[in-house]
Amino acid sequence: MSDMTWFALLSTIAAILGMAIGVLLPAYAMGRAISSALDALARQPEAERSIMRTLFIGLAMIESLAIYVLVIALIVLFRNPLLEYLIKP
């Protein structure tokens, strides 16, 4: 196998691992946030508006982390700047 093939293979594996970790951890954080919000709603139902507003803002922030991971993984797969060093003119 050539250097280019190995580099493409390793880049793909790195992107897959990055996506797996980058999606797993925000999903765990979302589950904890929703669980905590439901617990807070059970304790103080009169504060529902404040709790829900804060929950949705937090969930949007957590989801943006997963989207950033997706963008970086796609850059690694399709526009890897290190591939230029392996291509010999």
PDB file of N, CA and C in Angstrom:
ATOM      1  N   MET A   1       0.837  -1.186   0.000  1.00  0.00           N
ATOM      2  CA  MET A   1       0.000   0.000   0.000  1.00  0.00           C
ATOM      3  C   MET A   1       0.879   1.246   0.000  1.00  0.00           C
ATOM      4  N   SER A   2       0.411   2.252  -0.678  1.00  0.00           N
ATOM      5  CA  SER A   2       1.193   3.482  -0.751  1.00  0.00           C
ATOM      6  C   SER A   2       0.963   4.340   0.491  1.00  0.00           C
ATOM      7  N   ASP A   3       1.802   5.355   0.626  1.00  0.00           N
ATOM      8  CA  ASP A   3       1.652   6.272   1.759  1.00  0.00           C
ATOM      9  C   ASP A   3       0.307   6.981   1.728  1.00  0.00           C
ATOM     10  N   MET A   4      -0.155   7.317   0.525  1.00  0.00           N
ATOM     11  CA  MET A   4      -1.430   8.007   0.379  1.00  0.00           C
ATOM     12  C   MET A   4      -2.585   7.139   0.863  1.00  0.00           C
ATOM     13  N   THR A   5      -2.547   5.855   0.551  1.00  0.00           N
ATOM     14  CA  THR A   5      -3.596   4.937   0.977  1.00  0.00           C
ATOM     15  C   THR A   5      -3.610   4.795   2.488  1.00  0.00           C
ATOM     16  N   TRP A   6      -2.436   4.650   3.085  1.00  0.00           N
ATOM     17  CA  TRP A   6      -2.360   4.540   4.539  1.00  0.00           C
ATOM     18  C   TRP A   6      -2.862   5.799   5.219  1.00  0.00           C
ATOM     19  N   PHE A   7      -2.475   6.948   4.672  1.00  0.00           N
ATOM     20  CA  PHE A   7      -2.891   8.205   5.272  1.00  0.00           C
ATOM     21  C   PHE A   7      -4.399   8.391   5.168  1.00  0.00           C
ATOM     22  N   ALA A   8      -4.975   8.029   4.037  1.00  0.00           N
ATOM     23  CA  ALA A   8      -6.427   8.133   3.873  1.00  0.00           C
ATOM     24  C   ALA A   8      -7.146   7.173   4.820  1.00  0.00           C
ATOM     25  N   LEU A   9      -6.600   5.974   4.973  1.00  0.00           N
ATOM     26  CA  LEU A   9      -7.197   5.001   5.874  1.00  0.00           C
ATOM     27  C   LEU A   9      -7.146   5.483   7.324  1.00  0.00           C
ATOM     28  N   LEU A  10      -5.998   5.981   7.743  1.00  0.00           N
ATOM     29  CA  LEU A  10      -5.865   6.471   9.117  1.00  0.00           C
ATOM     30  C   LEU A  10      -6.709   7.724   9.355  1.00  0.00           C
ATOM     31  N   SER A  11      -6.837   8.580   8.355  1.00  0.00           N
ATOM     32  CA  SER A  11      -7.694   9.754   8.486  1.00  0.00           C
ATOM     33  C   SER A  11      -9.156   9.356   8.665  1.00  0.00           C
ATOM     34  N   THR A  12      -9.561   8.340   7.924  1.00  0.00           N
ATOM     35  CA  THR A  12     -10.937   7.862   8.044  1.00  0.00           C
ATOM     36  C   THR A  12     -11.192   7.260   9.420  1.00  0.00           C
ATOM     37  N   ILE A  13     -10.247   6.483   9.913  1.00  0.00           N
ATOM     38  CA  ILE A  13     -10.395   5.887  11.245  1.00  0.00           C
ATOM     39  C   ILE A  13     -10.421   6.974  12.320  1.00  0.00           C
ATOM     40  N   ALA A  14      -9.570   7.973  12.185  1.00  0.00           N
ATOM     41  CA  ALA A  14      -9.560   9.079  13.149  1.00  0.00           C
ATOM     42  C   ALA A  14     -10.875   9.850  13.115  1.00  0.00           C
ATOM     43  N   ALA A  15     -11.427  10.051  11.933  1.00  0.00           N
ATOM     44  CA  ALA A  15     -12.702  10.754  11.825  1.00  0.00           C
ATOM     45  C   ALA A  15     -13.834   9.946  12.461  1.00  0.00           C
ATOM     46  N   ILE A  16     -13.809   8.641  12.261  1.00  0.00           N
ATOM     47  CA  ILE A  16     -14.839   7.782  12.854  1.00  0.00           C
ATOM     48  C   ILE A  16     -14.745   7.797  14.373  1.00  0.00           C
ATOM     49  N   LEU A  17     -13.537   7.665  14.899  1.00  0.00           N
ATOM     50  CA  LEU A  17     -13.357   7.703  16.356  1.00  0.00           C
ATOM     51  C   LEU A  17     -13.729   9.071  16.925  1.00  0.00           C
ATOM     52  N   GLY A  18     -13.348  10.119  16.228  1.00  0.00           N
ATOM     53  CA  GLY A  18     -13.706  11.472  16.675  1.00  0.00           C
ATOM     54  C   GLY A  18     -15.206  11.685  16.709  1.00  0.00           C
ATOM     55  N   MET A  19     -15.899  11.189  15.688  1.00  0.00           N
ATOM     56  CA  MET A  19     -17.356  11.311  15.671  1.00  0.00           C
ATOM     57  C   MET A  19     -17.992  10.480  16.781  1.00  0.00           C
ATOM     58  N   ALA A  20     -17.454   9.289  17.010  1.00  0.00           N
ATOM     59  CA  ALA A  20     -18.022   8.432  18.055  1.00  0.00           C
ATOM     60  C   ALA A  20     -17.903   9.093  19.418  1.00  0.00           C
ATOM     61  N   ILE A  21     -16.736   9.594  19.732  1.00  0.00           N
ATOM     62  CA  ILE A  21     -16.544  10.259  21.024  1.00  0.00           C
ATOM     63  C   ILE A  21     -17.279  11.590  21.056  1.00  0.00           C
ATOM     64  N   GLY A  22     -17.241  12.308  19.943  1.00  0.00           N
ATOM     65  CA  GLY A  22     -17.856  13.625  19.883  1.00  0.00           C
ATOM     66  C   GLY A  22     -19.369  13.601  19.918  1.00  0.00           C
ATOM     67  N   VAL A  23     -19.976  12.480  19.625  1.00  0.00           N
ATOM     68  CA  VAL A  23     -21.428  12.369  19.707  1.00  0.00           C
ATOM     69  C   VAL A  23     -21.838  11.702  21.018  1.00  0.00           C
ATOM     70  N   LEU A  24     -21.026  10.810  21.513  1.00  0.00           N
ATOM     71  CA  LEU A  24     -21.350  10.090  22.734  1.00  0.00           C
ATOM     72  C   LEU A  24     -21.383  11.019  23.952  1.00  0.00           C
ATOM     73  N   LEU A  25     -20.371  11.854  24.082  1.00  0.00           N
ATOM     74  CA  LEU A  25     -20.302  12.719  25.260  1.00  0.00           C
ATOM     75  C   LEU A  25     -21.388  13.792  25.288  1.00  0.00           C
ATOM     76  N   PRO A  26     -21.689  14.492  24.187  1.00  0.00           N
ATOM     77  CA  PRO A  26     -22.825  15.418  24.233  1.00  0.00           C
ATOM     78  C   PRO A  26     -24.163  14.715  24.480  1.00  0.00           C
ATOM     79  N   ALA A  27     -24.319  13.494  23.973  1.00  0.00           N
ATOM     80  CA  ALA A  27     -25.560  12.755  24.232  1.00  0.00           C
ATOM     81  C   ALA A  27     -25.696  12.456  25.724  1.00  0.00           C
ATOM     82  N   TYR A  28     -24.601  12.084  26.344  1.00  0.00           N
ATOM     83  CA  TYR A  28     -24.613  11.843  27.788  1.00  0.00           C
ATOM     84  C   TYR A  28     -24.940  13.135  28.548  1.00  0.00           C
ATOM     85  N   ALA A  29     -24.340  14.239  28.113  1.00  0.00           N
ATOM     86  CA  ALA A  29     -24.603  15.525  28.760  1.00  0.00           C
ATOM     87  C   ALA A  29     -26.060  15.948  28.593  1.00  0.00           C
ATOM     88  N   MET A  30     -26.629  15.692  27.428  1.00  0.00           N
ATOM     89  CA  MET A  30     -28.041  16.019  27.208  1.00  0.00           C
ATOM     90  C   MET A  30     -28.945  15.198  28.124  1.00  0.00           C
ATOM     91  N   GLY A  31     -28.645  13.934  28.255  1.00  0.00           N
ATOM     92  CA  GLY A  31     -29.431  13.086  29.148  1.00  0.00           C
ATOM     93  C   GLY A  31     -29.378  13.566  30.588  1.00  0.00           C
ATOM     94  N   ARG A  32     -28.183  13.953  31.026  1.00  0.00           N
ATOM     95  CA  ARG A  32     -28.059  14.472  32.396  1.00  0.00           C
ATOM     96  C   ARG A  32     -28.794  15.792  32.562  1.00  0.00           C
ATOM     97  N   ALA A  33     -28.735  16.663  31.550  1.00  0.00           N
ATOM     98  CA  ALA A  33     -29.419  17.953  31.635  1.00  0.00           C
ATOM     99  C   ALA A  33     -30.928  17.769  31.697  1.00  0.00           C
ATOM    100  N   ILE A  34     -31.454  16.886  30.873  1.00  0.00           N
ATOM    101  CA  ILE A  34     -32.900  16.645  30.886  1.00  0.00           C
ATOM    102  C   ILE A  34     -33.327  16.004  32.194  1.00  0.00           C
ATOM    103  N   SER A  35     -32.528  15.085  32.692  1.00  0.00           N
ATOM    104  CA  SER A  35     -32.835  14.451  33.966  1.00  0.00           C
ATOM    105  C   SER A  35     -32.859  15.469  35.104  1.00  0.00           C
ATOM    106  N   SER A  36     -31.874  16.360  35.106  1.00  0.00           N
ATOM    107  CA  SER A  36     -31.828  17.388  36.148  1.00  0.00           C
ATOM    108  C   SER A  36     -32.984  18.364  36.016  1.00  0.00           C
ATOM    109  N   ALA A  37     -33.367  18.694  34.792  1.00  0.00           N
ATOM    110  CA  ALA A  37     -34.497  19.605  34.591  1.00  0.00           C
ATOM    111  C   ALA A  37     -35.798  18.967  35.064  1.00  0.00           C
ATOM    112  N   LEU A  38     -35.983  17.692  34.773  1.00  0.00           N
ATOM    113  CA  LEU A  38     -37.190  17.016  35.250  1.00  0.00           C
ATOM    114  C   LEU A  38     -37.217  16.932  36.768  1.00  0.00           C
ATOM    115  N   ASP A  39     -36.071  16.717  37.374  1.00  0.00           N
ATOM    116  CA  ASP A  39     -35.982  16.702  38.833  1.00  0.00           C
ATOM    117  C   ASP A  39     -36.329  18.074  39.406  1.00  0.00           C
ATOM    118  N   ALA A  40     -35.817  19.126  38.774  1.00  0.00           N
ATOM    119  CA  ALA A  40     -36.122  20.483  39.241  1.00  0.00           C
ATOM    120  C   ALA A  40     -37.596  20.814  39.048  1.00  0.00           C
ATOM    121  N   LEU A  41     -38.183  20.350  37.950  1.00  0.00           N
ATOM    122  CA  LEU A  41     -39.618  20.588  37.735  1.00  0.00           C
ATOM    123  C   LEU A  41     -40.471  19.846  38.757  1.00  0.00           C
ATOM    124  N   ALA A  42     -40.037  18.677  39.155  1.00  0.00           N
ATOM    125  CA  ALA A  42     -40.785  17.927  40.160  1.00  0.00           C
ATOM    126  C   ALA A  42     -40.715  18.620  41.514  1.00  0.00           C
ATOM    127  N   ARG A  43     -39.597  19.283  41.795  1.00  0.00           N
ATOM    128  CA  ARG A  43     -39.453  19.964  43.085  1.00  0.00           C
ATOM    129  C   ARG A  43     -40.127  21.332  43.104  1.00  0.00           C
ATOM    130  N   GLN A  44     -40.052  22.055  41.981  1.00  0.00           N
ATOM    131  CA  GLN A  44     -40.631  23.396  41.914  1.00  0.00           C
ATOM    132  C   GLN A  44     -41.421  23.565  40.618  1.00  0.00           C
ATOM    133  N   PRO A  45     -42.640  23.090  40.577  1.00  0.00           N
ATOM    134  CA  PRO A  45     -43.416  23.197  39.344  1.00  0.00           C
ATOM    135  C   PRO A  45     -43.737  24.652  38.964  1.00  0.00           C
ATOM    136  N   GLU A  46     -43.727  25.551  39.920  1.00  0.00           N
ATOM    137  CA  GLU A  46     -44.040  26.958  39.621  1.00  0.00           C
ATOM    138  C   GLU A  46     -42.917  27.656  38.853  1.00  0.00           C
ATOM    139  N   ALA A  47     -41.724  27.091  38.838  1.00  0.00           N
ATOM    140  CA  ALA A  47     -40.587  27.677  38.122  1.00  0.00           C
ATOM    141  C   ALA A  47     -40.391  27.031  36.753  1.00  0.00           C
ATOM    142  N   GLU A  48     -41.488  26.520  36.192  1.00  0.00           N
ATOM    143  CA  GLU A  48     -41.385  25.763  34.941  1.00  0.00           C
ATOM    144  C   GLU A  48     -40.827  26.603  33.792  1.00  0.00           C
ATOM    145  N   ARG A  49     -41.281  27.822  33.645  1.00  0.00           N
ATOM    146  CA  ARG A  49     -40.830  28.649  32.514  1.00  0.00           C
ATOM    147  C   ARG A  49     -39.331  28.909  32.575  1.00  0.00           C
ATOM    148  N   SER A  50     -38.854  29.256  33.751  1.00  0.00           N
ATOM    149  CA  SER A  50     -37.427  29.543  33.913  1.00  0.00           C
ATOM    150  C   SER A  50     -36.574  28.296  33.681  1.00  0.00           C
ATOM    151  N   ILE A  51     -37.022  27.183  34.215  1.00  0.00           N
ATOM    152  CA  ILE A  51     -36.271  25.935  34.075  1.00  0.00           C
ATOM    153  C   ILE A  51     -36.246  25.493  32.615  1.00  0.00           C
ATOM    154  N   MET A  52     -37.377  25.558  31.942  1.00  0.00           N
ATOM    155  CA  MET A  52     -37.437  25.111  30.551  1.00  0.00           C
ATOM    156  C   MET A  52     -36.613  26.020  29.633  1.00  0.00           C
ATOM    157  N   ARG A  53     -36.657  27.320  29.882  1.00  0.00           N
ATOM    158  CA  ARG A  53     -35.868  28.241  29.059  1.00  0.00           C
ATOM    159  C   ARG A  53     -34.377  27.953  29.220  1.00  0.00           C
ATOM    160  N   THR A  54     -33.942  27.774  30.443  1.00  0.00           N
ATOM    161  CA  THR A  54     -32.539  27.459  30.702  1.00  0.00           C
ATOM    162  C   THR A  54     -32.166  26.098  30.115  1.00  0.00           C
ATOM    163  N   LEU A  55     -33.070  25.139  30.205  1.00  0.00           N
ATOM    164  CA  LEU A  55     -32.816  23.809  29.642  1.00  0.00           C
ATOM    165  C   LEU A  55     -32.613  23.883  28.133  1.00  0.00           C
ATOM    166  N   PHE A  56     -33.481  24.601  27.439  1.00  0.00           N
ATOM    167  CA  PHE A  56     -33.365  24.668  25.977  1.00  0.00           C
ATOM    168  C   PHE A  56     -32.112  25.403  25.533  1.00  0.00           C
ATOM    169  N   ILE A  57     -31.724  26.431  26.253  1.00  0.00           N
ATOM    170  CA  ILE A  57     -30.474  27.123  25.918  1.00  0.00           C
ATOM    171  C   ILE A  57     -29.287  26.188  26.136  1.00  0.00           C
ATOM    172  N   GLY A  58     -29.290  25.473  27.237  1.00  0.00           N
ATOM    173  CA  GLY A  58     -28.213  24.512  27.507  1.00  0.00           C
ATOM    174  C   GLY A  58     -28.165  23.390  26.486  1.00  0.00           C
ATOM    175  N   LEU A  59     -29.330  22.876  26.087  1.00  0.00           N
ATOM    176  CA  LEU A  59     -29.364  21.809  25.086  1.00  0.00           C
ATOM    177  C   LEU A  59     -28.854  22.305  23.737  1.00  0.00           C
ATOM    178  N   ALA A  60     -29.159  23.547  23.400  1.00  0.00           N
ATOM    179  CA  ALA A  60     -28.650  24.102  22.138  1.00  0.00           C
ATOM    180  C   ALA A  60     -27.130  24.214  22.173  1.00  0.00           C
ATOM    181  N   MET A  61     -26.587  24.622  23.299  1.00  0.00           N
ATOM    182  CA  MET A  61     -25.129  24.716  23.425  1.00  0.00           C
ATOM    183  C   MET A  61     -24.476  23.337  23.326  1.00  0.00           C
ATOM    184  N   ILE A  62     -25.061  22.354  23.967  1.00  0.00           N
ATOM    185  CA  ILE A  62     -24.517  20.996  23.922  1.00  0.00           C
ATOM    186  C   ILE A  62     -24.599  20.445  22.499  1.00  0.00           C
ATOM    187  N   GLU A  63     -25.716  20.687  21.829  1.00  0.00           N
ATOM    188  CA  GLU A  63     -25.878  20.191  20.460  1.00  0.00           C
ATOM    189  C   GLU A  63     -24.884  20.846  19.508  1.00  0.00           C
ATOM    190  N   SER A  64     -24.546  22.102  19.765  1.00  0.00           N
ATOM    191  CA  SER A  64     -23.583  22.778  18.893  1.00  0.00           C
ATOM    192  C   SER A  64     -22.207  22.110  18.978  1.00  0.00           C
ATOM    193  N   LEU A  65     -21.865  21.552  20.118  1.00  0.00           N
ATOM    194  CA  LEU A  65     -20.596  20.823  20.231  1.00  0.00           C
ATOM    195  C   LEU A  65     -20.572  19.610  19.299  1.00  0.00           C
ATOM    196  N   ALA A  66     -21.677  18.882  19.239  1.00  0.00           N
ATOM    197  CA  ALA A  66     -21.743  17.723  18.358  1.00  0.00           C
ATOM    198  C   ALA A  66     -21.670  18.151  16.892  1.00  0.00           C
ATOM    199  N   ILE A  67     -22.260  19.283  16.557  1.00  0.00           N
ATOM    200  CA  ILE A  67     -22.204  19.776  15.179  1.00  0.00           C
ATOM    201  C   ILE A  67     -20.784  20.194  14.828  1.00  0.00           C
ATOM    202  N   TYR A  68     -20.070  20.817  15.754  1.00  0.00           N
ATOM    203  CA  TYR A  68     -18.674  21.188  15.504  1.00  0.00           C
ATOM    204  C   TYR A  68     -17.817  19.950  15.258  1.00  0.00           C
ATOM    205  N   VAL A  69     -18.064  18.896  16.001  1.00  0.00           N
ATOM    206  CA  VAL A  69     -17.328  17.646  15.794  1.00  0.00           C
ATOM    207  C   VAL A  69     -17.599  17.093  14.398  1.00  0.00           C
ATOM    208  N   LEU A  70     -18.858  17.157  13.966  1.00  0.00           N
ATOM    209  CA  LEU A  70     -19.193  16.691  12.628  1.00  0.00           C
ATOM    210  C   LEU A  70     -18.457  17.503  11.561  1.00  0.00           C
ATOM    211  N   VAL A  71     -18.417  18.811  11.721  1.00  0.00           N
ATOM    212  CA  VAL A  71     -17.745  19.667  10.744  1.00  0.00           C
ATOM    213  C   VAL A  71     -16.252  19.342  10.667  1.00  0.00           C
ATOM    214  N   ILE A  72     -15.611  19.190  11.814  1.00  0.00           N
ATOM    215  CA  ILE A  72     -14.179  18.870  11.833  1.00  0.00           C
ATOM    216  C   ILE A  72     -13.928  17.495  11.211  1.00  0.00           C
ATOM    217  N   ALA A  73     -14.780  16.523  11.503  1.00  0.00           N
ATOM    218  CA  ALA A  73     -14.600  15.189  10.911  1.00  0.00           C
ATOM    219  C   ALA A  73     -14.762  15.236   9.399  1.00  0.00           C
ATOM    220  N   LEU A  74     -15.701  16.022   8.901  1.00  0.00           N
ATOM    221  CA  LEU A  74     -15.869  16.140   7.456  1.00  0.00           C
ATOM    222  C   LEU A  74     -14.678  16.838   6.810  1.00  0.00           C
ATOM    223  N   ILE A  75     -14.096  17.812   7.503  1.00  0.00           N
ATOM    224  CA  ILE A  75     -12.894  18.461   6.986  1.00  0.00           C
ATOM    225  C   ILE A  75     -11.744  17.461   6.913  1.00  0.00           C
ATOM    226  N   VAL A  76     -11.597  16.648   7.948  1.00  0.00           N
ATOM    227  CA  VAL A  76     -10.521  15.647   7.945  1.00  0.00           C
ATOM    228  C   VAL A  76     -10.722  14.647   6.806  1.00  0.00           C
ATOM    229  N   LEU A  77     -11.969  14.277   6.540  1.00  0.00           N
ATOM    230  CA  LEU A  77     -12.216  13.292   5.492  1.00  0.00           C
ATOM    231  C   LEU A  77     -12.073  13.847   4.079  1.00  0.00           C
ATOM    232  N   PHE A  78     -12.610  15.040   3.837  1.00  0.00           N
ATOM    233  CA  PHE A  78     -12.721  15.499   2.456  1.00  0.00           C
ATOM    234  C   PHE A  78     -11.761  16.610   2.063  1.00  0.00           C
ATOM    235  N   ARG A  79     -11.234  17.344   3.009  1.00  0.00           N
ATOM    236  CA  ARG A  79     -10.297  18.423   2.658  1.00  0.00           C
ATOM    237  C   ARG A  79      -9.165  18.433   3.664  1.00  0.00           C
ATOM    238  N   ASN A  80      -8.455  17.364   3.719  1.00  0.00           N
ATOM    239  CA  ASN A  80      -7.358  17.230   4.667  1.00  0.00           C
ATOM    240  C   ASN A  80      -6.142  18.000   4.142  1.00  0.00           C
ATOM    241  N   PRO A  81      -5.685  19.023   4.862  1.00  0.00           N
ATOM    242  CA  PRO A  81      -4.553  19.797   4.365  1.00  0.00           C
ATOM    243  C   PRO A  81      -3.242  19.023   4.346  1.00  0.00           C
ATOM    244  N   LEU A  82      -3.146  17.943   5.078  1.00  0.00           N
ATOM    245  CA  LEU A  82      -1.909  17.171   5.105  1.00  0.00           C
ATOM    246  C   LEU A  82      -1.743  16.291   3.871  1.00  0.00           C
ATOM    247  N   LEU A  83      -2.807  16.098   3.105  1.00  0.00           N
ATOM    248  CA  LEU A  83      -2.700  15.279   1.892  1.00  0.00           C
ATOM    249  C   LEU A  83      -1.792  15.937   0.859  1.00  0.00           C
ATOM    250  N   GLU A  84      -1.682  17.262   0.884  1.00  0.00           N
ATOM    251  CA  GLU A  84      -0.839  17.959  -0.080  1.00  0.00           C
ATOM    252  C   GLU A  84       0.631  17.584   0.080  1.00  0.00           C
ATOM    253  N   TYR A  85       1.043  17.250   1.293  1.00  0.00           N
ATOM    254  CA  TYR A  85       2.441  16.868   1.510  1.00  0.00           C
ATOM    255  C   TYR A  85       2.750  15.474   0.975  1.00  0.00           C
ATOM    256  N   LEU A  86       1.740  14.634   0.859  1.00  0.00           N
ATOM    257  CA  LEU A  86       1.978  13.274   0.371  1.00  0.00           C
ATOM    258  C   LEU A  86       1.932  13.181  -1.153  1.00  0.00           C
ATOM    259  N   ILE A  87       1.275  14.151  -1.776  1.00  0.00           N
ATOM    260  CA  ILE A  87       1.199  14.144  -3.235  1.00  0.00           C
ATOM    261  C   ILE A  87       2.510  14.703  -3.788  1.00  0.00           C
ATOM    262  N   LYS A  88       3.173  13.897  -4.559  1.00  0.00           N
ATOM    263  CA  LYS A  88       4.452  14.313  -5.122  1.00  0.00           C
ATOM    264  C   LYS A  88       4.238  14.849  -6.548  1.00  0.00           C
ATOM    265  N   PRO A  89       4.730  16.056  -6.814  1.00  0.00           N
ATOM    266  CA  PRO A  89       4.504  16.629  -8.158  1.00  0.00           C
ATOM    267  C   PRO A  89       5.286  15.938  -9.242  1.00  0.00           C
TER     268      PRO A  89
END
